[in-house]
Amino acid sequence: MADRYLTVAQVAELLGTSERFPRRLIAERRIAFVKVGRHVRIPERELSAFIDANTVQPIGYRRGSLGKAA
């Protein structure tokens, strides 16, 4: 199955940000992208990998590990 190539606007919409954020990721080489002539496209699998790599998992607290009451 072929990977979908997303525009900057589509990536911004999926992330819920302005177009400036994905453009900054591209400029800083923090996400893989493809140049098609003068157009920039981001493979959908690379966007998923970027999201997975930057996902922070919650910390599970054990009972009693937050300190004792007076």
N, C-alpha and C. Protein backbone atom coordinates (compact mmCIF):
# COMPACT_ATOMS: atom_id res chain seq x y z
N MET A 1 0.85 -1.18 0.00
CA MET A 1 0.00 0.00 0.00
C MET A 1 0.89 1.24 0.00
N ALA A 2 0.59 2.19 -0.84
CA ALA A 2 1.39 3.41 -0.96
C ALA A 2 1.09 4.35 0.20
N ASP A 3 2.12 5.05 0.63
CA ASP A 3 1.99 6.02 1.71
C ASP A 3 1.37 7.30 1.17
N ARG A 4 0.54 7.95 1.95
CA ARG A 4 -0.02 9.25 1.56
C ARG A 4 0.99 10.34 1.87
N TYR A 5 1.05 11.32 1.01
CA TYR A 5 1.93 12.47 1.21
C TYR A 5 1.05 13.67 1.52
N LEU A 6 1.29 14.28 2.67
CA LEU A 6 0.45 15.37 3.15
C LEU A 6 1.08 16.72 2.90
N THR A 7 0.24 17.70 2.63
CA THR A 7 0.73 19.08 2.49
C THR A 7 0.97 19.65 3.89
N VAL A 8 1.63 20.78 3.93
CA VAL A 8 1.88 21.46 5.20
C VAL A 8 0.54 21.83 5.86
N ALA A 9 -0.40 22.27 5.06
CA ALA A 9 -1.72 22.65 5.58
C ALA A 9 -2.44 21.43 6.19
N GLN A 10 -2.34 20.28 5.53
CA GLN A 10 -2.97 19.07 6.06
C GLN A 10 -2.32 18.63 7.37
N VAL A 11 -1.00 18.72 7.44
CA VAL A 11 -0.29 18.36 8.67
C VAL A 11 -0.70 19.29 9.80
N ALA A 12 -0.76 20.58 9.51
CA ALA A 12 -1.16 21.56 10.52
C ALA A 12 -2.57 21.26 11.04
N GLU A 13 -3.46 20.91 10.13
CA GLU A 13 -4.83 20.59 10.54
C GLU A 13 -4.87 19.35 11.41
N LEU A 14 -4.12 18.32 11.04
CA LEU A 14 -4.09 17.09 11.83
C LEU A 14 -3.51 17.32 13.22
N LEU A 15 -2.51 18.19 13.31
CA LEU A 15 -1.88 18.48 14.60
C LEU A 15 -2.64 19.53 15.41
N GLY A 16 -3.56 20.23 14.76
CA GLY A 16 -4.31 21.28 15.44
C GLY A 16 -3.48 22.52 15.68
N THR A 17 -2.58 22.82 14.75
CA THR A 17 -1.71 23.98 14.88
C THR A 17 -1.84 24.85 13.63
N SER A 18 -1.09 25.95 13.64
CA SER A 18 -1.02 26.77 12.43
C SER A 18 -0.01 26.14 11.48
N GLU A 19 0.06 26.62 10.25
CA GLU A 19 1.01 26.09 9.27
C GLU A 19 2.45 26.41 9.66
N ARG A 20 2.63 27.38 10.51
CA ARG A 20 3.98 27.78 10.91
C ARG A 20 4.72 26.66 11.64
N PHE A 21 3.99 25.89 12.46
CA PHE A 21 4.64 24.82 13.23
C PHE A 21 5.22 23.73 12.35
N PRO A 22 4.46 23.13 11.41
CA PRO A 22 5.08 22.13 10.54
C PRO A 22 6.20 22.70 9.68
N ARG A 23 6.06 23.95 9.26
CA ARG A 23 7.14 24.58 8.48
C ARG A 23 8.41 24.70 9.32
N ARG A 24 8.26 24.99 10.61
CA ARG A 24 9.42 25.08 11.49
C ARG A 24 10.05 23.70 11.68
N LEU A 25 9.23 22.66 11.82
CA LEU A 25 9.75 21.29 11.93
C LEU A 25 10.57 20.93 10.70
N ILE A 26 10.09 21.34 9.54
CA ILE A 26 10.81 21.08 8.28
C ILE A 26 12.11 21.87 8.25
N ALA A 27 12.06 23.14 8.58
CA ALA A 27 13.25 24.00 8.53
C ALA A 27 14.33 23.52 9.49
N GLU A 28 13.91 23.01 10.64
CA GLU A 28 14.86 22.52 11.65
C GLU A 28 15.23 21.05 11.44
N ARG A 29 14.70 20.45 10.36
CA ARG A 29 14.96 19.04 10.02
C ARG A 29 14.58 18.10 11.16
N ARG A 30 13.47 18.42 11.84
CA ARG A 30 12.99 17.58 12.93
C ARG A 30 11.98 16.55 12.46
N ILE A 31 11.54 16.65 11.20
CA ILE A 31 10.63 15.68 10.62
C ILE A 31 11.07 15.43 9.17
N ALA A 32 10.94 14.18 8.74
CA ALA A 32 11.33 13.84 7.36
C ALA A 32 10.29 14.40 6.39
N PHE A 33 10.76 14.84 5.23
CA PHE A 33 9.86 15.39 4.23
C PHE A 33 10.39 15.07 2.84
N VAL A 34 9.54 15.27 1.84
CA VAL A 34 9.87 15.00 0.45
C VAL A 34 9.67 16.30 -0.33
N LYS A 35 10.66 16.63 -1.16
CA LYS A 35 10.52 17.79 -2.04
C LYS A 35 10.07 17.28 -3.41
N VAL A 36 8.97 17.82 -3.89
CA VAL A 36 8.45 17.51 -5.21
C VAL A 36 8.47 18.82 -5.98
N GLY A 37 9.57 19.04 -6.69
CA GLY A 37 9.74 20.35 -7.31
C GLY A 37 9.91 21.39 -6.22
N ARG A 38 9.05 22.38 -6.22
CA ARG A 38 9.11 23.39 -5.17
C ARG A 38 8.15 23.10 -4.03
N HIS A 39 7.40 22.01 -4.14
CA HIS A 39 6.42 21.64 -3.13
C HIS A 39 7.06 20.74 -2.08
N VAL A 40 6.57 20.86 -0.86
CA VAL A 40 7.05 20.04 0.25
C VAL A 40 5.90 19.15 0.71
N ARG A 41 6.17 17.88 0.85
CA ARG A 41 5.17 16.92 1.32
C ARG A 41 5.76 16.11 2.46
N ILE A 42 4.91 15.75 3.42
CA ILE A 42 5.33 14.96 4.57
C ILE A 42 4.61 13.61 4.48
N PRO A 43 5.37 12.51 4.42
CA PRO A 43 4.73 11.20 4.39
C PRO A 43 3.93 10.96 5.67
N GLU A 44 2.76 10.39 5.52
CA GLU A 44 1.89 10.15 6.67
C GLU A 44 2.57 9.28 7.72
N ARG A 45 3.37 8.30 7.30
CA ARG A 45 4.07 7.43 8.26
C ARG A 45 5.10 8.22 9.07
N GLU A 46 5.71 9.24 8.45
CA GLU A 46 6.68 10.07 9.18
C GLU A 46 5.99 10.95 10.21
N LEU A 47 4.80 11.44 9.88
CA LEU A 47 4.03 12.22 10.85
C LEU A 47 3.64 11.34 12.04
N SER A 48 3.21 10.11 11.75
CA SER A 48 2.86 9.18 12.84
C SER A 48 4.08 8.86 13.70
N ALA A 49 5.23 8.66 13.07
CA ALA A 49 6.46 8.38 13.82
C ALA A 49 6.86 9.58 14.67
N PHE A 50 6.70 10.79 14.14
CA PHE A 50 7.02 12.00 14.89
C PHE A 50 6.12 12.12 16.13
N ILE A 51 4.83 11.85 15.94
CA ILE A 51 3.88 11.93 17.06
C ILE A 51 4.23 10.87 18.10
N ASP A 52 4.51 9.64 17.66
CA ASP A 52 4.86 8.56 18.59
C ASP A 52 6.13 8.89 19.37
N ALA A 53 7.12 9.44 18.69
CA ALA A 53 8.40 9.75 19.34
C ALA A 53 8.27 10.87 20.36
N ASN A 54 7.27 11.72 20.21
CA ASN A 54 7.11 12.87 21.11
C ASN A 54 5.93 12.73 22.06
N THR A 55 5.36 11.54 22.14
CA THR A 55 4.26 11.29 23.06
C THR A 55 4.83 10.98 24.43
N VAL A 56 4.33 11.70 25.42
CA VAL A 56 4.78 11.52 26.81
C VAL A 56 3.71 10.72 27.55
N GLN A 57 4.12 9.62 28.13
CA GLN A 57 3.20 8.76 28.87
C GLN A 57 3.01 9.30 30.28
N PRO A 58 1.81 9.13 30.85
CA PRO A 58 1.56 9.60 32.22
C PRO A 58 2.34 8.78 33.23
N ILE A 59 2.63 9.40 34.35
CA ILE A 59 3.32 8.72 35.44
C ILE A 59 2.26 8.10 36.33
N GLY A 60 2.44 6.83 36.63
CA GLY A 60 1.51 6.15 37.54
C GLY A 60 2.03 6.26 38.96
N TYR A 61 1.23 6.84 39.83
CA TYR A 61 1.62 6.97 41.24
C TYR A 61 1.08 5.78 42.03
N ARG A 62 1.94 5.28 42.90
CA ARG A 62 1.50 4.23 43.81
C ARG A 62 0.89 4.87 45.03
N ARG A 63 0.00 4.16 45.63
CA ARG A 63 -0.62 4.66 46.85
C ARG A 63 0.43 4.83 47.94
N GLY A 64 0.43 5.98 48.56
CA GLY A 64 1.36 6.23 49.64
C GLY A 64 2.70 6.77 49.19
N SER A 65 2.93 6.91 47.90
CA SER A 65 4.21 7.40 47.45
C SER A 65 4.29 8.92 47.43
N LEU A 66 3.18 9.59 47.72
CA LEU A 66 3.18 11.05 47.69
C LEU A 66 3.48 11.66 49.05
N GLY A 67 3.72 10.87 50.04
CA GLY A 67 4.03 11.38 51.37
C GLY A 67 2.93 11.00 52.34
N LYS A 68 3.22 11.22 53.61
CA LYS A 68 2.25 10.83 54.64
C LYS A 68 1.51 12.04 55.17
N ALA A 69 0.29 11.82 55.53
CA ALA A 69 -0.50 12.88 56.14
C ALA A 69 -0.10 13.04 57.59
N ALA A 70 -0.29 14.20 58.12
CA ALA A 70 0.13 14.48 59.51
C ALA A 70 -0.70 13.77 60.52
